[in-house]
Amino acid sequence: MRIAIPTNNPGGLEAARSGHFGQCDVFTVVELDENKAIATVENVDNVSHDSGGCMVPVNVLASAKVDVIVVSGIGGRPLQGFNKVGIDVYYADSETVATAAAVIDKMVAGELPIMRVDQACGGGADCHH
């Protein structure tokens, strides 16, 4: 399983999570083996959000063969985009699960819920994704 976590530079397991997945510096991508142990950790650079809007990260992560992304919030359009390309979207609060390593710990423990369409942000100023 390949898990993408939107993070701030420089990325990696100890990197702080980015509050806005589409505008993160880098995606830390962690591959788990069949025993749910970390097999590899790599960084996938994000691409400018300007041309293509919120679907750009969807395409970047689909190209990187990611299976899962863990976000602290997401808009409806990119959530549908991830679902369309077969990437599952999970939720983890970025204040209590603050690093990529903490996300992986929670994912391995089965403690992260999958995001539903009715949980997507509506694009208002009070939604941080």
N, C-alpha and C. Protein backbone atom coordinates (compact mmCIF):
# COMPACT_ATOMS: atom_id res chain seq x y z
N MET A 1 0.86 -1.18 0.00
CA MET A 1 0.00 0.00 0.00
C MET A 1 0.90 1.23 0.00
N ARG A 2 0.56 2.18 -0.88
CA ARG A 2 1.29 3.46 -0.95
C ARG A 2 0.39 4.57 -0.42
N ILE A 3 0.87 5.23 0.63
CA ILE A 3 0.09 6.25 1.33
C ILE A 3 0.75 7.61 1.13
N ALA A 4 -0.02 8.58 0.64
CA ALA A 4 0.46 9.95 0.46
C ALA A 4 -0.01 10.82 1.62
N ILE A 5 0.93 11.63 2.12
CA ILE A 5 0.62 12.56 3.20
C ILE A 5 1.11 13.94 2.76
N PRO A 6 0.19 14.91 2.63
CA PRO A 6 0.62 16.27 2.28
C PRO A 6 1.46 16.85 3.42
N THR A 7 2.71 17.22 3.10
CA THR A 7 3.62 17.71 4.14
C THR A 7 4.33 18.98 3.71
N ASN A 8 4.90 19.64 4.70
CA ASN A 8 5.74 20.82 4.47
C ASN A 8 7.16 20.35 4.15
N ASN A 9 7.94 21.23 3.51
CA ASN A 9 9.34 20.90 3.23
C ASN A 9 10.06 20.60 4.53
N PRO A 10 10.94 19.64 4.55
CA PRO A 10 11.51 18.93 3.40
C PRO A 10 10.82 17.61 3.09
N GLY A 11 9.68 17.33 3.71
CA GLY A 11 9.02 16.05 3.53
C GLY A 11 9.68 15.00 4.42
N GLY A 12 9.24 13.77 4.31
CA GLY A 12 9.78 12.68 5.12
C GLY A 12 8.90 12.39 6.32
N LEU A 13 9.27 11.35 7.05
CA LEU A 13 8.44 10.89 8.16
C LEU A 13 8.27 11.91 9.28
N GLU A 14 9.28 12.71 9.54
CA GLU A 14 9.19 13.69 10.64
C GLU A 14 8.64 15.04 10.18
N ALA A 15 8.26 15.14 8.93
CA ALA A 15 7.74 16.40 8.40
C ALA A 15 6.38 16.73 8.99
N ALA A 16 6.16 18.02 9.20
CA ALA A 16 4.85 18.50 9.64
C ALA A 16 3.87 18.38 8.49
N ARG A 17 2.64 18.08 8.81
CA ARG A 17 1.60 17.96 7.80
C ARG A 17 1.18 19.34 7.31
N SER A 18 0.85 19.41 6.03
CA SER A 18 0.34 20.63 5.44
C SER A 18 -1.16 20.70 5.67
N GLY A 19 -1.66 21.88 5.99
CA GLY A 19 -3.09 22.05 6.23
C GLY A 19 -3.91 22.03 4.95
N HIS A 20 -3.30 22.35 3.82
CA HIS A 20 -4.03 22.40 2.55
C HIS A 20 -3.34 21.44 1.58
N PHE A 21 -3.95 20.27 1.37
CA PHE A 21 -3.28 19.22 0.61
C PHE A 21 -2.91 19.67 -0.79
N GLY A 22 -3.73 20.46 -1.43
CA GLY A 22 -3.47 20.87 -2.81
C GLY A 22 -2.35 21.87 -2.95
N GLN A 23 -2.01 22.54 -1.85
CA GLN A 23 -0.95 23.53 -1.90
C GLN A 23 0.23 23.15 -1.02
N CYS A 24 0.34 21.87 -0.67
CA CYS A 24 1.46 21.43 0.15
C CYS A 24 2.76 21.56 -0.63
N ASP A 25 3.87 21.60 0.10
CA ASP A 25 5.17 21.66 -0.54
C ASP A 25 5.49 20.35 -1.25
N VAL A 26 5.20 19.25 -0.56
CA VAL A 26 5.58 17.94 -1.06
C VAL A 26 4.64 16.89 -0.47
N PHE A 27 4.45 15.80 -1.19
CA PHE A 27 3.71 14.67 -0.65
C PHE A 27 4.75 13.66 -0.16
N THR A 28 4.68 13.32 1.12
CA THR A 28 5.51 12.23 1.62
C THR A 28 4.74 10.95 1.31
N VAL A 29 5.35 10.07 0.54
CA VAL A 29 4.69 8.82 0.13
C VAL A 29 5.40 7.67 0.84
N VAL A 30 4.62 6.95 1.62
CA VAL A 30 5.14 5.83 2.42
C VAL A 30 4.54 4.54 1.86
N GLU A 31 5.40 3.61 1.54
CA GLU A 31 4.94 2.31 1.07
C GLU A 31 5.06 1.32 2.22
N LEU A 32 3.95 0.64 2.50
CA LEU A 32 3.93 -0.40 3.52
C LEU A 32 4.01 -1.76 2.86
N ASP A 33 4.74 -2.69 3.50
CA ASP A 33 4.81 -4.04 2.96
C ASP A 33 3.61 -4.85 3.44
N GLU A 34 3.61 -6.14 3.14
CA GLU A 34 2.47 -7.00 3.49
C GLU A 34 2.28 -7.13 4.99
N ASN A 35 3.31 -6.83 5.79
CA ASN A 35 3.20 -6.88 7.25
C ASN A 35 2.90 -5.52 7.86
N LYS A 36 2.60 -4.55 6.99
CA LYS A 36 2.31 -3.18 7.39
C LYS A 36 3.52 -2.48 8.01
N ALA A 37 4.70 -2.92 7.62
CA ALA A 37 5.94 -2.24 8.03
C ALA A 37 6.34 -1.29 6.91
N ILE A 38 7.04 -0.22 7.26
CA ILE A 38 7.47 0.75 6.26
C ILE A 38 8.54 0.12 5.38
N ALA A 39 8.25 0.08 4.07
CA ALA A 39 9.20 -0.47 3.09
C ALA A 39 10.02 0.64 2.46
N THR A 40 9.35 1.75 2.07
CA THR A 40 10.05 2.89 1.47
C THR A 40 9.37 4.19 1.87
N VAL A 41 10.15 5.25 1.83
CA VAL A 41 9.64 6.61 2.04
C VAL A 41 10.24 7.46 0.94
N GLU A 42 9.40 8.17 0.21
CA GLU A 42 9.88 9.05 -0.84
C GLU A 42 9.06 10.33 -0.85
N ASN A 43 9.60 11.34 -1.47
CA ASN A 43 8.88 12.60 -1.64
C ASN A 43 8.44 12.73 -3.08
N VAL A 44 7.20 13.17 -3.26
CA VAL A 44 6.66 13.47 -4.59
C VAL A 44 6.34 14.95 -4.58
N ASP A 45 7.01 15.70 -5.42
CA ASP A 45 6.80 17.14 -5.47
C ASP A 45 5.38 17.46 -5.92
N ASN A 46 4.79 18.45 -5.28
CA ASN A 46 3.50 18.95 -5.72
C ASN A 46 3.74 19.86 -6.93
N VAL A 47 2.71 20.03 -7.73
CA VAL A 47 2.77 20.86 -8.92
C VAL A 47 1.87 22.07 -8.69
N SER A 48 2.17 23.16 -9.34
CA SER A 48 1.40 24.38 -9.18
C SER A 48 -0.10 24.12 -9.28
N HIS A 49 -0.81 24.65 -8.33
CA HIS A 49 -2.27 24.52 -8.23
C HIS A 49 -2.98 25.41 -9.27
N ASP A 50 -2.23 26.34 -9.86
CA ASP A 50 -2.84 27.35 -10.72
C ASP A 50 -3.47 26.78 -11.99
N SER A 51 -2.71 26.02 -12.75
CA SER A 51 -3.27 25.48 -13.99
C SER A 51 -3.80 24.08 -13.73
N GLY A 52 -5.11 23.94 -13.79
CA GLY A 52 -5.74 22.66 -13.53
C GLY A 52 -6.44 22.61 -12.20
N GLY A 53 -6.22 23.61 -11.37
CA GLY A 53 -6.93 23.71 -10.11
C GLY A 53 -6.70 22.54 -9.18
N CYS A 54 -7.73 22.20 -8.44
CA CYS A 54 -7.61 21.19 -7.39
C CYS A 54 -7.49 19.77 -7.92
N MET A 55 -7.59 19.58 -9.23
CA MET A 55 -7.41 18.24 -9.79
C MET A 55 -5.93 17.93 -10.06
N VAL A 56 -5.06 18.93 -10.02
CA VAL A 56 -3.63 18.72 -10.26
C VAL A 56 -3.06 17.69 -9.27
N PRO A 57 -3.27 17.86 -7.95
CA PRO A 57 -2.72 16.87 -7.02
C PRO A 57 -3.28 15.46 -7.24
N VAL A 58 -4.52 15.37 -7.65
CA VAL A 58 -5.12 14.06 -7.94
C VAL A 58 -4.30 13.37 -9.03
N ASN A 59 -4.01 14.09 -10.10
CA ASN A 59 -3.27 13.51 -11.21
C ASN A 59 -1.83 13.19 -10.83
N VAL A 60 -1.20 14.06 -10.04
CA VAL A 60 0.17 13.83 -9.57
C VAL A 60 0.24 12.52 -8.78
N LEU A 61 -0.70 12.34 -7.86
CA LEU A 61 -0.67 11.15 -7.01
C LEU A 61 -1.11 9.89 -7.75
N ALA A 62 -2.00 10.03 -8.71
CA ALA A 62 -2.37 8.87 -9.53
C ALA A 62 -1.15 8.41 -10.33
N SER A 63 -0.39 9.35 -10.87
CA SER A 63 0.83 9.02 -11.61
C SER A 63 1.88 8.36 -10.72
N ALA A 64 1.88 8.70 -9.45
CA ALA A 64 2.82 8.12 -8.49
C ALA A 64 2.33 6.78 -7.94
N LYS A 65 1.23 6.30 -8.46
CA LYS A 65 0.65 5.01 -8.07
C LYS A 65 0.33 4.91 -6.57
N VAL A 66 -0.23 6.01 -6.06
CA VAL A 66 -0.65 6.08 -4.66
C VAL A 66 -1.99 5.37 -4.51
N ASP A 67 -2.16 4.66 -3.40
CA ASP A 67 -3.43 3.97 -3.10
C ASP A 67 -4.31 4.76 -2.16
N VAL A 68 -3.67 5.56 -1.28
CA VAL A 68 -4.38 6.25 -0.19
C VAL A 68 -3.76 7.63 -0.02
N ILE A 69 -4.61 8.63 0.29
CA ILE A 69 -4.11 9.92 0.77
C ILE A 69 -4.80 10.19 2.10
N VAL A 70 -4.05 10.79 3.03
CA VAL A 70 -4.60 11.14 4.34
C VAL A 70 -4.57 12.66 4.45
N VAL A 71 -5.75 13.26 4.64
CA VAL A 71 -5.90 14.71 4.66
C VAL A 71 -6.55 15.16 5.95
N SER A 72 -6.46 16.47 6.20
CA SER A 72 -7.17 17.05 7.35
C SER A 72 -8.45 17.73 6.91
N GLY A 73 -8.70 17.74 5.62
CA GLY A 73 -9.90 18.29 5.01
C GLY A 73 -9.72 18.25 3.51
N ILE A 74 -10.84 18.29 2.79
CA ILE A 74 -10.77 18.21 1.33
C ILE A 74 -12.08 18.74 0.75
N GLY A 75 -11.98 19.35 -0.40
CA GLY A 75 -13.16 19.82 -1.11
C GLY A 75 -13.83 18.67 -1.87
N GLY A 76 -15.05 18.89 -2.24
CA GLY A 76 -15.84 17.86 -2.92
C GLY A 76 -15.26 17.45 -4.27
N ARG A 77 -14.79 18.41 -5.05
CA ARG A 77 -14.27 18.09 -6.39
C ARG A 77 -13.04 17.18 -6.33
N PRO A 78 -12.01 17.53 -5.53
CA PRO A 78 -10.87 16.62 -5.47
C PRO A 78 -11.21 15.28 -4.80
N LEU A 79 -12.12 15.28 -3.84
CA LEU A 79 -12.53 14.01 -3.24
C LEU A 79 -13.12 13.10 -4.30
N GLN A 80 -13.99 13.64 -5.13
CA GLN A 80 -14.56 12.84 -6.22
C GLN A 80 -13.49 12.42 -7.21
N GLY A 81 -12.52 13.30 -7.47
CA GLY A 81 -11.42 12.97 -8.37
C GLY A 81 -10.59 11.81 -7.85
N PHE A 82 -10.25 11.85 -6.56
CA PHE A 82 -9.49 10.75 -5.96
C PHE A 82 -10.30 9.46 -6.04
N ASN A 83 -11.59 9.53 -5.73
CA ASN A 83 -12.42 8.33 -5.82
C ASN A 83 -12.46 7.78 -7.24
N LYS A 84 -12.51 8.66 -8.21
CA LYS A 84 -12.58 8.25 -9.62
C LYS A 84 -11.32 7.50 -10.07
N VAL A 85 -10.15 7.94 -9.57
CA VAL A 85 -8.90 7.29 -9.99
C VAL A 85 -8.49 6.15 -9.05
N GLY A 86 -9.34 5.84 -8.07
CA GLY A 86 -9.09 4.69 -7.21
C GLY A 86 -8.19 4.95 -6.02
N ILE A 87 -8.07 6.21 -5.61
CA ILE A 87 -7.29 6.56 -4.43
C ILE A 87 -8.26 6.82 -3.28
N ASP A 88 -8.14 6.03 -2.21
CA ASP A 88 -8.98 6.21 -1.04
C ASP A 88 -8.52 7.41 -0.23
N VAL A 89 -9.46 8.18 0.30
CA VAL A 89 -9.16 9.38 1.07
C VAL A 89 -9.54 9.14 2.52
N TYR A 90 -8.56 9.29 3.41
CA TYR A 90 -8.77 9.12 4.84
C TYR A 90 -8.57 10.45 5.54
N TYR A 91 -9.13 10.55 6.74
CA TYR A 91 -9.05 11.78 7.53
C TYR A 91 -8.19 11.58 8.77
N ALA A 92 -7.34 12.57 9.06
CA ALA A 92 -6.63 12.64 10.33
C ALA A 92 -6.47 14.12 10.68
N ASP A 93 -6.91 14.49 11.85
CA ASP A 93 -6.79 15.88 12.31
C ASP A 93 -5.32 16.27 12.36
N SER A 94 -4.97 17.37 11.72
CA SER A 94 -3.56 17.76 11.64
C SER A 94 -3.01 18.33 12.94
N GLU A 95 -3.86 18.69 13.87
CA GLU A 95 -3.37 19.19 15.15
C GLU A 95 -2.98 18.06 16.10
N THR A 96 -3.74 16.98 16.08
CA THR A 96 -3.44 15.86 16.98
C THR A 96 -2.59 14.79 16.31
N VAL A 97 -2.61 14.74 15.00
CA VAL A 97 -1.77 13.80 14.22
C VAL A 97 -0.91 14.69 13.33
N ALA A 98 0.18 15.21 13.91
CA ALA A 98 0.88 16.35 13.33
C ALA A 98 2.00 16.02 12.35
N THR A 99 2.48 14.79 12.31
CA THR A 99 3.59 14.44 11.41
C THR A 99 3.20 13.28 10.51
N ALA A 100 3.99 13.08 9.47
CA ALA A 100 3.75 11.96 8.57
C ALA A 100 3.89 10.64 9.33
N ALA A 101 4.87 10.54 10.22
CA ALA A 101 5.06 9.31 11.01
C ALA A 101 3.83 9.01 11.86
N ALA A 102 3.24 10.04 12.46
CA ALA A 102 2.04 9.85 13.28
C ALA A 102 0.87 9.36 12.43
N VAL A 103 0.77 9.86 11.20
CA VAL A 103 -0.28 9.40 10.29
C VAL A 103 -0.11 7.91 10.01
N ILE A 104 1.12 7.50 9.73
CA ILE A 104 1.37 6.08 9.44
C ILE A 104 1.04 5.21 10.65
N ASP A 105 1.41 5.65 11.84
CA ASP A 105 1.08 4.90 13.06
C ASP A 105 -0.43 4.69 13.17
N LYS A 106 -1.19 5.77 12.95
CA LYS A 106 -2.65 5.69 13.04
C LYS A 106 -3.25 4.82 11.94
N MET A 107 -2.68 4.91 10.73
CA MET A 107 -3.18 4.12 9.61
C MET A 107 -2.95 2.63 9.88
N VAL A 108 -1.75 2.28 10.31
CA VAL A 108 -1.42 0.88 10.60
C VAL A 108 -2.31 0.34 11.71
N ALA A 109 -2.63 1.17 12.68
CA ALA A 109 -3.49 0.76 13.80
C ALA A 109 -4.97 0.69 13.41
N GLY A 110 -5.31 1.13 12.19
CA GLY A 110 -6.70 1.11 11.75
C GLY A 110 -7.55 2.17 12.42
N GLU A 111 -6.93 3.29 12.80
CA GLU A 111 -7.63 4.32 13.56
C GLU A 111 -8.06 5.53 12.74
N LEU A 112 -7.90 5.47 11.42
CA LEU A 112 -8.28 6.62 10.59
C LEU A 112 -9.54 6.29 9.79
N PRO A 113 -10.52 7.20 9.84
CA PRO A 113 -11.75 6.97 9.07
C PRO A 113 -11.60 7.40 7.61
N ILE A 114 -12.31 6.73 6.75
CA ILE A 114 -12.35 7.12 5.35
C ILE A 114 -13.28 8.32 5.22
N MET A 115 -12.93 9.25 4.33
CA MET A 115 -13.75 10.46 4.12
C MET A 115 -14.93 10.12 3.22
N ARG A 116 -16.09 10.65 3.60
CA ARG A 116 -17.29 10.51 2.79
C ARG A 116 -17.57 11.84 2.08
N VAL A 117 -18.33 11.77 1.02
CA VAL A 117 -18.66 12.96 0.23
C VAL A 117 -19.34 14.02 1.11
N ASP A 118 -20.19 13.61 2.04
CA ASP A 118 -20.89 14.58 2.88
C ASP A 118 -19.97 15.26 3.90
N GLN A 119 -18.71 14.82 4.01
CA GLN A 119 -17.75 15.44 4.91
C GLN A 119 -16.83 16.43 4.19
N ALA A 120 -16.98 16.54 2.89
CA ALA A 120 -16.12 17.44 2.11
C ALA A 120 -16.41 18.89 2.44
N CYS A 121 -15.38 19.70 2.32
CA CYS A 121 -15.51 21.14 2.55
C CYS A 121 -16.31 21.77 1.42
N GLY A 122 -17.03 22.81 1.76
CA GLY A 122 -17.79 23.52 0.75
C GLY A 122 -17.04 24.69 0.14
N GLY A 123 -15.79 24.88 0.54
CA GLY A 123 -14.99 25.96 -0.03
C GLY A 123 -15.05 27.25 0.75
N GLY A 124 -15.72 27.28 1.89
CA GLY A 124 -15.80 28.48 2.70
C GLY A 124 -14.51 28.75 3.45
N ALA A 125 -14.40 29.91 4.01
CA ALA A 125 -13.18 30.31 4.70
C ALA A 125 -12.94 29.51 5.97
N ASP A 126 -13.97 28.87 6.54
CA ASP A 126 -13.78 28.12 7.77
C ASP A 126 -13.31 26.70 7.52
N CYS A 127 -13.13 26.32 6.28
CA CYS A 127 -12.71 24.97 5.95
C CYS A 127 -11.23 25.01 5.57
N HIS A 128 -10.43 24.25 6.29
CA HIS A 128 -8.99 24.25 6.07
C HIS A 128 -8.59 22.92 5.43
N HIS A 129 -8.35 22.95 4.14
CA HIS A 129 -7.92 21.73 3.45
C HIS A 129 -6.83 22.06 2.49
